[in-house]
N, C-alpha and C. Protein backbone atom coordinates (compact mmCIF):
# COMPACT_ATOMS: atom_id res chain seq x y z
N MET A 1 -149.40 -23.77 71.20
CA MET A 1 -150.48 -23.94 71.67
C MET A 1 -151.64 -23.16 71.06
N LYS A 2 -151.52 -22.19 71.19
CA LYS A 2 -152.84 -20.94 70.43
C LYS A 2 -152.88 -21.23 69.08
N GLY A 3 -153.73 -21.08 68.56
CA GLY A 3 -154.10 -21.25 66.82
C GLY A 3 -153.97 -22.37 66.32
N ARG A 4 -153.41 -23.73 67.29
CA ARG A 4 -153.19 -25.01 66.76
C ARG A 4 -154.20 -25.69 66.35
N GLY A 5 -155.26 -25.38 67.39
CA GLY A 5 -156.76 -26.01 66.80
C GLY A 5 -156.65 -27.29 67.96
N VAL A 6 -157.18 -28.25 67.61
CA VAL A 6 -157.29 -29.26 69.00
C VAL A 6 -155.85 -30.27 69.41
N LEU A 7 -156.46 -29.58 70.72
CA LEU A 7 -155.11 -30.41 71.45
C LEU A 7 -154.78 -31.90 71.41
N GLY A 8 -153.28 -32.48 71.26
CA GLY A 8 -153.43 -34.11 70.87
C GLY A 8 -152.52 -34.41 72.39
N ARG A 9 -152.49 -35.78 72.88
CA ARG A 9 -152.46 -35.93 74.01
C ARG A 9 -151.49 -35.86 74.80
N ALA A 10 -149.88 -34.82 74.19
CA ALA A 10 -148.44 -34.85 74.01
C ALA A 10 -149.06 -33.02 74.88
N ASP A 11 -150.30 -32.21 73.84
CA ASP A 11 -150.46 -31.37 74.82
C ASP A 11 -150.79 -31.29 75.93
N CYS A 12 -151.63 -31.98 76.08
CA CYS A 12 -152.49 -31.98 77.05
C CYS A 12 -151.65 -32.58 78.06
N VAL A 13 -151.04 -33.64 78.33
CA VAL A 13 -149.83 -33.54 79.46
C VAL A 13 -149.44 -32.94 79.39
N ARG A 14 -148.85 -31.81 78.78
CA ARG A 14 -147.90 -30.77 79.01
C ARG A 14 -148.56 -30.19 79.45
N ILE A 15 -149.64 -29.52 79.27
CA ILE A 15 -150.28 -28.99 80.25
C ILE A 15 -151.10 -29.02 81.61
N TYR A 16 -151.23 -30.49 81.76
CA TYR A 16 -151.28 -31.14 83.14
C TYR A 16 -150.20 -30.64 83.86
N ALA A 17 -149.05 -31.25 83.04
CA ALA A 17 -147.31 -31.07 83.74
C ALA A 17 -147.12 -29.31 84.51
N GLY A 18 -147.89 -28.80 84.01
CA GLY A 18 -147.95 -27.46 84.69
C GLY A 18 -147.30 -26.05 83.87
N SER A 19 -147.07 -26.37 81.79
CA SER A 19 -146.57 -25.57 80.59
C SER A 19 -148.32 -24.82 80.72
N THR A 20 -149.18 -24.11 80.82
CA THR A 20 -149.82 -23.61 80.59
C THR A 20 -149.70 -21.58 81.06
N ALA A 21 -150.69 -21.47 80.44
CA ALA A 21 -151.29 -19.86 80.41
C ALA A 21 -150.77 -19.25 81.74
N PRO A 22 -150.06 -18.21 81.77
CA PRO A 22 -150.29 -17.29 82.99
C PRO A 22 -151.72 -17.33 83.91
N GLY A 23 -151.66 -17.58 84.98
CA GLY A 23 -152.61 -17.74 86.33
C GLY A 23 -153.33 -18.69 86.17
N SER A 24 -153.37 -19.57 85.39
CA SER A 24 -154.24 -20.70 85.64
C SER A 24 -153.65 -21.67 86.31
N GLY A 25 -152.67 -21.95 86.45
CA GLY A 25 -151.61 -22.86 87.66
C GLY A 25 -151.96 -23.96 87.23
N PRO A 26 -151.27 -25.38 87.38
CA PRO A 26 -151.46 -26.56 87.10
C PRO A 26 -152.20 -27.19 88.38
N VAL A 27 -153.39 -28.21 87.50
CA VAL A 27 -154.16 -29.40 88.57
C VAL A 27 -152.50 -29.56 89.67
N LYS A 28 -152.84 -30.06 90.95
CA LYS A 28 -151.86 -31.41 91.32
C LYS A 28 -152.51 -32.60 91.18
N ALA A 29 -151.22 -33.33 91.27
CA ALA A 29 -151.62 -35.26 91.00
C ALA A 29 -152.51 -34.88 92.21
N SER A 30 -151.80 -34.64 93.08
CA SER A 30 -152.87 -35.02 94.61
C SER A 30 -154.24 -35.08 94.39
N GLU A 31 -154.84 -34.13 93.79
CA GLU A 31 -156.33 -33.48 93.63
C GLU A 31 -156.60 -34.90 92.70
N VAL A 32 -156.10 -34.48 91.33
CA VAL A 32 -156.62 -35.69 90.44
C VAL A 32 -156.78 -37.29 91.04
N ASP A 33 -155.97 -37.19 91.95
CA ASP A 33 -155.47 -39.22 92.34
C ASP A 33 -156.64 -38.92 93.27
N ARG A 34 -157.91 -38.16 94.11
CA ARG A 34 -158.43 -38.31 94.89
C ARG A 34 -159.74 -38.49 94.09
N VAL A 35 -160.02 -38.52 92.95
CA VAL A 35 -161.11 -38.51 92.10
C VAL A 35 -161.99 -40.08 92.02
N PRO A 36 -162.17 -40.41 92.45
CA PRO A 36 -163.24 -41.39 92.14
C PRO A 36 -162.86 -42.34 91.00
N MET A 37 -162.57 -43.72 90.35
CA MET A 37 -162.31 -44.31 89.59
C MET A 37 -163.31 -45.31 89.51
N PRO A 38 -164.47 -45.44 87.96
CA PRO A 38 -164.96 -46.89 87.94
C PRO A 38 -163.96 -47.98 88.37
N ALA A 39 -164.93 -49.17 88.94
CA ALA A 39 -164.24 -50.52 89.42
C ALA A 39 -164.09 -51.02 88.08
N VAL A 40 -164.11 -51.35 86.91
CA VAL A 40 -163.78 -51.65 85.61
C VAL A 40 -163.85 -50.38 84.72
N ALA A 41 -162.87 -51.36 83.76
CA ALA A 41 -162.30 -50.58 82.47
C ALA A 41 -163.54 -50.12 81.55
N PRO A 42 -163.59 -49.24 80.95
CA PRO A 42 -164.80 -48.76 79.96
C PRO A 42 -165.12 -50.10 79.29
N VAL A 43 -166.89 -50.19 79.07
CA VAL A 43 -167.28 -51.56 78.51
C VAL A 43 -167.13 -51.12 77.23
N GLY A 44 -166.96 -52.14 76.34
CA GLY A 44 -166.97 -52.18 75.04
C GLY A 44 -165.32 -51.09 74.40
N GLY A 45 -164.94 -51.32 74.98
CA GLY A 45 -163.41 -50.73 74.95
C GLY A 45 -163.33 -49.23 74.89
N LYS A 46 -162.26 -48.74 74.38
CA LYS A 46 -162.15 -47.50 74.64
C LYS A 46 -162.97 -46.18 73.39
N LEU A 47 -163.36 -45.38 73.87
CA LEU A 47 -164.13 -44.25 73.73
C LEU A 47 -162.86 -43.25 72.92
N LYS A 48 -163.24 -42.85 71.31
CA LYS A 48 -162.10 -41.65 71.68
C LYS A 48 -163.77 -40.69 71.37
N ILE A 49 -162.94 -39.29 72.69
CA ILE A 49 -163.92 -38.78 73.39
C ILE A 49 -163.05 -37.37 72.73
N LEU A 50 -163.85 -36.14 72.37
CA LEU A 50 -163.90 -34.50 72.12
C LEU A 50 -163.94 -33.89 73.00
N LEU A 51 -162.71 -33.69 73.94
CA LEU A 51 -163.76 -33.09 74.92
C LEU A 51 -163.24 -30.86 74.24
N ALA A 52 -164.29 -30.30 74.24
CA ALA A 52 -164.55 -28.93 74.03
C ALA A 52 -164.90 -28.39 75.48
N GLU A 53 -163.56 -27.57 75.34
CA GLU A 53 -163.59 -27.11 77.20
C GLU A 53 -162.17 -25.66 76.38
N ASP A 54 -163.20 -24.34 76.92
CA ASP A 54 -162.21 -22.95 76.85
C ASP A 54 -161.47 -23.12 78.61
N ASN A 55 -161.76 -23.55 79.70
CA ASN A 55 -161.64 -23.33 80.40
C ASN A 55 -160.34 -24.10 81.19
N LYS A 56 -158.64 -23.88 80.93
CA LYS A 56 -158.16 -24.76 81.22
C LYS A 56 -157.85 -25.81 82.42
N ILE A 57 -157.91 -25.14 83.47
CA ILE A 57 -157.98 -25.93 84.56
C ILE A 57 -159.58 -27.02 84.66
N ASN A 58 -160.42 -26.87 83.82
CA ASN A 58 -161.60 -27.65 83.64
C ASN A 58 -160.97 -29.01 82.40
N GLN A 59 -160.29 -27.99 81.36
CA GLN A 59 -159.75 -29.32 80.65
C GLN A 59 -158.50 -30.11 81.36
N LYS A 60 -157.95 -29.56 82.02
CA LYS A 60 -156.90 -30.29 82.90
C LYS A 60 -157.38 -31.78 83.90
N SER A 61 -158.76 -31.04 84.45
CA SER A 61 -158.94 -32.27 85.18
C SER A 61 -160.35 -33.03 84.18
N ALA A 62 -160.47 -32.86 83.09
CA ALA A 62 -161.70 -33.71 82.86
C ALA A 62 -160.19 -34.49 81.83
N PHE A 63 -159.07 -34.19 80.97
CA PHE A 63 -158.70 -35.27 80.61
C PHE A 63 -157.61 -35.59 81.76
N ALA A 64 -157.65 -35.67 82.49
CA ALA A 64 -156.86 -36.30 83.30
C ALA A 64 -157.91 -37.54 84.07
N LEU A 65 -159.29 -36.97 84.60
CA LEU A 65 -159.87 -38.19 84.96
C LEU A 65 -160.35 -39.03 83.79
N LEU A 66 -160.77 -38.34 82.34
CA LEU A 66 -160.45 -39.01 81.12
C LEU A 66 -159.77 -40.48 80.90
N GLY A 67 -158.86 -40.16 80.88
CA GLY A 67 -157.74 -40.46 80.35
C GLY A 67 -157.44 -41.90 81.40
N ARG A 68 -157.62 -41.66 82.86
CA ARG A 68 -157.30 -42.42 83.88
C ARG A 68 -158.79 -43.72 83.79
N ALA A 69 -159.64 -43.27 82.99
CA ALA A 69 -160.90 -44.26 83.05
C ALA A 69 -160.11 -44.76 81.81
N GLY A 70 -159.44 -44.66 80.95
CA GLY A 70 -158.63 -45.25 79.48
C GLY A 70 -159.79 -44.84 78.30
N TYR A 71 -159.81 -43.86 78.33
CA TYR A 71 -159.97 -43.21 77.23
C TYR A 71 -159.27 -42.53 76.36
N ALA A 72 -159.34 -41.95 75.48
CA ALA A 72 -158.56 -41.72 74.60
C ALA A 72 -159.28 -40.18 74.14
N VAL A 73 -158.24 -39.05 74.13
CA VAL A 73 -159.22 -37.62 74.27
C VAL A 73 -158.42 -36.73 73.74
N ASP A 74 -159.23 -35.77 72.93
CA ASP A 74 -158.39 -34.86 72.35
C ASP A 74 -159.33 -33.73 72.59
N VAL A 75 -158.37 -32.17 72.49
CA VAL A 75 -159.09 -31.61 73.34
C VAL A 75 -159.60 -30.45 72.42
N ALA A 76 -160.21 -29.48 72.45
CA ALA A 76 -160.42 -28.84 71.62
C ALA A 76 -160.73 -26.83 72.65
N GLU A 77 -160.01 -26.02 71.80
CA GLU A 77 -160.46 -24.97 72.72
C GLU A 77 -161.92 -23.78 72.65
N ASN A 78 -162.29 -24.34 71.54
CA ASN A 78 -163.81 -23.44 71.81
C ASN A 78 -164.84 -23.93 70.63
N GLY A 79 -165.95 -23.42 70.29
CA GLY A 79 -166.66 -24.61 69.57
C GLY A 79 -166.15 -24.59 68.37
N ARG A 80 -165.61 -23.39 67.97
CA ARG A 80 -165.04 -23.48 66.51
C ARG A 80 -164.17 -24.55 66.02
N GLN A 81 -163.23 -24.92 67.06
CA GLN A 81 -162.29 -26.40 67.04
C GLN A 81 -163.20 -27.05 67.46
N ALA A 82 -163.90 -27.24 67.94
CA ALA A 82 -164.72 -28.46 67.97
C ALA A 82 -165.33 -29.03 67.07
N VAL A 83 -165.89 -27.72 65.77
CA VAL A 83 -166.38 -28.01 64.66
C VAL A 83 -165.64 -28.73 63.66
N ASP A 84 -164.27 -28.15 63.81
CA ASP A 84 -163.33 -28.19 62.44
C ASP A 84 -162.85 -30.05 63.07
N ALA A 85 -162.43 -30.57 64.28
CA ALA A 85 -162.06 -31.42 64.57
C ALA A 85 -163.24 -32.72 64.37
N VAL A 86 -164.13 -32.36 64.61
CA VAL A 86 -165.32 -33.52 64.20
C VAL A 86 -165.22 -33.49 62.97
N MET A 87 -165.04 -32.70 61.91
CA MET A 87 -165.07 -32.73 60.71
C MET A 87 -163.56 -33.87 60.06
N GLN A 88 -162.77 -33.76 60.98
CA GLN A 88 -161.28 -34.08 60.46
C GLN A 88 -161.18 -35.90 61.37
N ALA A 89 -161.82 -36.27 61.89
CA ALA A 89 -161.64 -37.30 62.94
C ALA A 89 -162.72 -37.66 63.26
N ASP A 90 -162.66 -39.15 63.35
CA ASP A 90 -164.20 -39.78 64.34
C ASP A 90 -164.23 -39.98 65.97
N TYR A 91 -165.29 -39.43 65.84
CA TYR A 91 -165.40 -38.99 67.29
C TYR A 91 -166.61 -39.83 68.04
N ASP A 92 -166.14 -41.10 68.93
CA ASP A 92 -167.11 -41.40 69.59
C ASP A 92 -168.51 -40.65 70.15
N VAL A 93 -167.80 -39.67 70.96
CA VAL A 93 -168.90 -39.11 71.84
C VAL A 93 -167.59 -37.52 71.67
N VAL A 94 -169.00 -36.48 71.68
CA VAL A 94 -167.84 -35.33 72.02
C VAL A 94 -168.78 -34.60 73.34
N LEU A 95 -168.00 -34.24 74.24
CA LEU A 95 -168.21 -33.44 75.55
C LEU A 95 -168.25 -31.48 75.12
N MET A 96 -169.36 -31.26 75.04
CA MET A 96 -169.10 -29.76 74.22
C MET A 96 -169.52 -28.94 75.75
N ASP A 97 -168.76 -27.89 76.96
CA ASP A 97 -168.76 -26.99 77.19
C ASP A 97 -170.11 -25.58 76.66
N VAL A 98 -170.83 -25.55 77.51
CA VAL A 98 -172.08 -24.54 76.54
C VAL A 98 -171.32 -23.36 76.06
N GLN A 99 -170.54 -22.99 77.19
CA GLN A 99 -170.09 -21.39 77.06
C GLN A 99 -168.38 -20.80 76.50
N MET A 100 -168.24 -20.74 75.64
CA MET A 100 -166.81 -20.87 74.94
C MET A 100 -166.61 -19.66 73.80
N PRO A 101 -165.42 -18.90 73.85
CA PRO A 101 -165.45 -17.98 72.88
C PRO A 101 -165.62 -18.08 71.82
N ASP A 102 -165.40 -17.43 70.61
CA ASP A 102 -165.66 -17.81 68.86
C ASP A 102 -166.77 -18.02 68.58
N LEU A 103 -167.46 -19.79 69.30
CA LEU A 103 -168.51 -20.06 69.02
C LEU A 103 -168.88 -21.26 69.73
N ASP A 104 -170.18 -21.29 70.91
CA ASP A 104 -170.57 -21.32 72.05
C ASP A 104 -170.78 -22.94 71.57
N GLY A 105 -171.02 -23.44 72.79
CA GLY A 105 -171.53 -24.68 72.74
C GLY A 105 -172.80 -25.45 71.68
N LEU A 106 -173.53 -24.58 71.88
CA LEU A 106 -175.26 -24.92 70.80
C LEU A 106 -175.26 -24.74 69.79
N GLU A 107 -174.01 -23.57 69.84
CA GLU A 107 -174.07 -23.02 67.73
C GLU A 107 -172.99 -24.41 67.18
N ALA A 108 -171.97 -24.23 68.25
CA ALA A 108 -171.14 -25.78 67.58
C ALA A 108 -172.38 -26.89 67.62
N THR A 109 -173.10 -27.41 68.29
CA THR A 109 -173.76 -28.72 68.42
C THR A 109 -174.58 -28.54 66.63
N LYS A 110 -175.14 -27.29 67.00
CA LYS A 110 -175.77 -27.18 65.59
C LYS A 110 -175.02 -27.34 64.14
N GLN A 111 -174.16 -27.19 64.13
CA GLN A 111 -173.30 -27.50 63.61
C GLN A 111 -172.54 -28.69 63.16
N ILE A 112 -172.39 -29.04 63.78
CA ILE A 112 -172.13 -30.77 63.81
C ILE A 112 -173.20 -31.23 63.41
N ARG A 113 -174.57 -30.84 63.98
CA ARG A 113 -175.63 -31.87 63.53
C ARG A 113 -175.92 -31.36 62.27
N GLY A 114 -175.33 -30.74 61.39
CA GLY A 114 -176.03 -30.41 59.80
C GLY A 114 -174.86 -30.83 58.77
N LEU A 115 -173.78 -31.90 59.73
CA LEU A 115 -172.61 -32.40 59.27
C LEU A 115 -173.54 -34.09 58.22
N PRO A 116 -172.76 -34.02 57.54
CA PRO A 116 -172.80 -35.31 56.27
C PRO A 116 -172.39 -36.84 57.86
N ALA A 117 -173.88 -37.40 57.60
CA ALA A 117 -172.97 -38.81 58.29
C ALA A 117 -172.58 -39.27 58.30
N PRO A 118 -171.16 -40.19 58.59
CA PRO A 118 -172.16 -40.23 60.47
C PRO A 118 -171.25 -39.58 61.09
N LYS A 119 -170.91 -38.45 61.08
CA LYS A 119 -169.84 -37.00 61.53
C LYS A 119 -170.98 -36.30 62.71
N CYS A 120 -172.65 -36.43 61.82
CA CYS A 120 -173.83 -35.90 62.59
C CYS A 120 -173.87 -36.29 63.74
N ARG A 121 -173.85 -37.33 64.01
CA ARG A 121 -174.07 -38.69 64.59
C ARG A 121 -173.62 -38.76 66.00
N ALA A 122 -172.47 -38.33 66.22
CA ALA A 122 -171.94 -38.88 67.49
C ALA A 122 -172.56 -37.86 68.40
N PRO A 123 -172.55 -38.71 70.19
CA PRO A 123 -173.69 -38.39 70.89
C PRO A 123 -172.73 -36.98 71.27
N ILE A 124 -173.25 -36.20 71.71
CA ILE A 124 -172.94 -34.49 72.10
C ILE A 124 -173.36 -34.42 73.74
N ILE A 125 -172.94 -34.73 74.84
CA ILE A 125 -173.22 -34.14 75.81
C ILE A 125 -173.10 -33.17 75.94
N ALA A 126 -173.30 -31.96 76.95
CA ALA A 126 -173.64 -30.65 77.53
C ALA A 126 -172.64 -30.54 78.70
N LEU A 127 -171.39 -29.88 79.02
CA LEU A 127 -170.94 -29.72 79.84
C LEU A 127 -171.41 -28.05 80.52
N THR A 128 -171.91 -28.41 81.54
CA THR A 128 -172.82 -26.45 82.05
C THR A 128 -172.07 -26.76 83.24
N ALA A 129 -172.27 -24.90 83.66
CA ALA A 129 -173.12 -25.10 85.48
C ALA A 129 -174.44 -24.52 85.32
N HIS A 130 -174.79 -24.32 84.26
CA HIS A 130 -176.57 -23.98 83.95
C HIS A 130 -177.22 -24.85 83.92
N ALA A 131 -177.59 -25.16 85.53
CA ALA A 131 -178.83 -26.44 85.71
C ALA A 131 -179.53 -26.25 86.25
N MET A 132 -179.81 -24.79 85.27
CA MET A 132 -181.51 -24.09 86.18
C MET A 132 -182.94 -25.05 85.33
N ALA A 133 -183.64 -24.54 85.90
CA ALA A 133 -185.12 -25.24 84.81
C ALA A 133 -185.14 -25.17 83.97
N GLY A 134 -185.35 -25.75 82.61
CA GLY A 134 -185.40 -25.47 80.74
C GLY A 134 -184.11 -25.31 80.50
N ALA A 135 -183.56 -25.70 80.99
CA ALA A 135 -181.83 -25.27 80.41
C ALA A 135 -181.71 -27.00 79.42
N ARG A 136 -182.29 -27.59 80.13
CA ARG A 136 -182.23 -29.28 79.27
C ARG A 136 -182.63 -29.33 78.12
N GLU A 137 -183.64 -28.72 78.03
CA GLU A 137 -184.70 -28.49 76.74
C GLU A 137 -183.78 -27.79 75.83
N GLN A 138 -183.42 -26.61 76.09
CA GLN A 138 -182.43 -25.84 75.98
C GLN A 138 -181.03 -26.73 74.79
N TYR A 139 -180.57 -27.66 75.05
CA TYR A 139 -179.46 -28.60 74.69
C TYR A 139 -179.90 -29.24 73.86
N VAL A 140 -181.47 -29.84 74.12
CA VAL A 140 -181.66 -31.00 73.46
C VAL A 140 -182.18 -30.49 72.44
N GLU A 141 -183.18 -29.42 72.09
CA GLU A 141 -183.36 -28.60 71.12
C GLU A 141 -182.10 -27.79 70.02
N ALA A 142 -181.21 -28.03 70.56
CA ALA A 142 -179.87 -27.50 69.97
C ALA A 142 -179.08 -28.83 69.71
N GLY A 143 -179.61 -30.46 69.67
CA GLY A 143 -178.97 -31.30 69.14
C GLY A 143 -178.00 -32.06 70.26
N MET A 144 -178.25 -31.13 71.79
CA MET A 144 -177.26 -32.35 72.44
C MET A 144 -177.99 -33.14 72.83
N ASP A 145 -176.93 -34.47 73.05
CA ASP A 145 -178.29 -36.07 73.82
C ASP A 145 -178.02 -36.08 75.23
N ASP A 146 -177.48 -34.93 75.81
CA ASP A 146 -177.74 -35.11 77.05
C ASP A 146 -176.67 -33.93 78.18
N HIS A 147 -176.37 -33.61 78.95
CA HIS A 147 -175.67 -33.24 79.73
C HIS A 147 -175.16 -33.66 80.81
N VAL A 148 -174.39 -32.87 81.92
CA VAL A 148 -173.68 -33.05 82.91
C VAL A 148 -173.44 -31.58 83.42
N SER A 149 -173.81 -31.71 85.17
CA SER A 149 -173.73 -30.06 85.43
C SER A 149 -172.37 -30.19 85.86
N LYS A 150 -171.50 -28.65 85.83
CA LYS A 150 -170.15 -28.93 86.48
C LYS A 150 -170.75 -28.20 88.28
N PRO A 151 -169.89 -28.23 89.07
CA PRO A 151 -168.61 -29.17 88.87
C PRO A 151 -169.04 -30.19 88.51
N ILE A 152 -168.60 -30.95 87.50
CA ILE A 152 -168.45 -32.65 87.43
C ILE A 152 -168.08 -33.36 88.12
N GLU A 153 -169.40 -34.12 88.32
CA GLU A 153 -169.07 -35.78 89.53
C GLU A 153 -168.57 -36.35 88.75
N PRO A 154 -167.55 -37.39 89.11
CA PRO A 154 -166.89 -38.49 88.15
C PRO A 154 -167.55 -39.49 87.85
N ALA A 155 -168.30 -39.56 88.93
CA ALA A 155 -169.13 -41.10 88.59
C ALA A 155 -170.72 -40.28 87.50
N ILE A 156 -171.27 -39.47 87.66
CA ILE A 156 -172.08 -39.43 86.90
C ILE A 156 -171.63 -39.32 84.85
N LEU A 157 -170.87 -38.69 85.14
CA LEU A 157 -169.89 -38.47 84.02
C LEU A 157 -169.84 -39.88 83.05
N LEU A 158 -168.96 -40.70 84.02
CA LEU A 158 -168.13 -42.11 83.82
C LEU A 158 -169.12 -42.99 83.05
N GLY A 159 -170.47 -42.67 84.36
CA GLY A 159 -171.96 -43.75 83.82
C GLY A 159 -172.06 -43.33 82.66
N LYS A 160 -172.31 -41.93 82.17
CA LYS A 160 -172.96 -41.61 80.69
C LYS A 160 -172.13 -42.39 79.84
N LEU A 161 -170.76 -42.23 79.94
CA LEU A 161 -169.19 -42.68 79.10
C LEU A 161 -169.95 -43.97 78.95
N THR A 162 -170.02 -45.43 79.90
CA THR A 162 -170.08 -46.32 80.05
C THR A 162 -171.43 -46.57 79.24
N GLU A 163 -172.71 -46.25 79.37
CA GLU A 163 -173.95 -46.38 78.43
C GLU A 163 -173.46 -46.25 77.52
N ILE A 164 -172.64 -45.31 76.86
CA ILE A 164 -172.51 -44.65 75.38
C ILE A 164 -171.75 -45.74 74.45
N ALA A 165 -170.79 -46.30 75.64
CA ALA A 165 -169.66 -47.68 75.21
C ALA A 165 -170.62 -48.21 75.03
N SER A 166 -171.36 -49.02 75.60
CA SER A 166 -172.16 -50.33 75.58
C SER A 166 -172.74 -50.66 74.36
N ARG A 167 -174.10 -48.95 74.43
CA ARG A 167 -174.61 -48.97 73.14
C ARG A 167 -173.62 -48.89 71.62
N LEU A 168 -172.76 -48.75 71.41
CA LEU A 168 -171.56 -48.66 70.41
C LEU A 168 -171.48 -50.14 70.55
N ALA A 169 -170.77 -49.92 71.50
CA ALA A 169 -170.53 -52.31 71.62
C ALA A 169 -171.48 -53.24 70.50
N ALA A 170 -172.28 -52.78 70.92
CA ALA A 170 -173.63 -53.53 71.14
C ALA A 170 -174.01 -53.39 69.61
N SER A 171 -173.72 -52.06 68.91
CA SER A 171 -174.37 -52.12 67.77
C SER A 171 -172.89 -52.08 66.37
N ARG A 172 -171.82 -52.34 67.23
CA ARG A 172 -170.75 -52.67 66.32
C ARG A 172 -170.83 -54.31 65.63
N THR A 173 -170.53 -54.50 64.85
CA THR A 173 -170.29 -55.82 63.89
C THR A 173 -168.92 -56.18 64.58
N PRO A 174 -168.54 -57.76 64.33
CA PRO A 174 -167.30 -58.08 64.75
C PRO A 174 -166.15 -57.54 63.57
N ASP A 175 -166.64 -57.27 62.38
CA ASP A 175 -165.69 -56.25 61.29
C ASP A 175 -165.43 -54.98 61.75
N THR A 176 -166.24 -54.41 62.91
CA THR A 176 -165.80 -52.48 62.91
C THR A 176 -165.52 -52.29 64.37
N LEU A 177 -165.26 -53.29 64.97
CA LEU A 177 -164.47 -53.63 66.30
C LEU A 177 -163.15 -52.64 65.95
N GLU A 178 -161.95 -53.04 65.00
CA GLU A 178 -160.85 -52.55 64.99
C GLU A 178 -161.38 -51.50 63.97
N ARG A 179 -160.74 -50.22 64.90
CA ARG A 179 -160.48 -49.02 64.06
C ARG A 179 -159.05 -48.58 64.11
């Protein structure tokens, strides 16, 4: 999987099933099943989400959470892959880890914001363990729309995604709903 860029659904399922890098270990299904899920399906249909995250455990748990919530998810393992993925595909939202190798989330966000429209307009949510005072302002200054602290609280992340899906559904005309 290294060097291939964005991981597709099959790769992520393989990772989740236990074919991971040495020492990272699979997330147990019993742990994922305990994650509280929203009572309703995503509003406005499926979102296509890019998850930019270098940590395998965080990839697995976020992928499982988002998949169980009904979202389509691609995974990028670093900021450079995230920028490349946004250039090549249309995403409704990008979940961006702040600290990643090769290109951190802040710089990746700046590069995404520098792309031509509509690529530059995808909402970007920072995923970070740095929830200290002033961090939010730093993320907004870099071009991010919001942030979620790690460890991720499923209800908070899914609530933010439901808001984005609602806004997208309201802004789309009947002709643009089918992609």
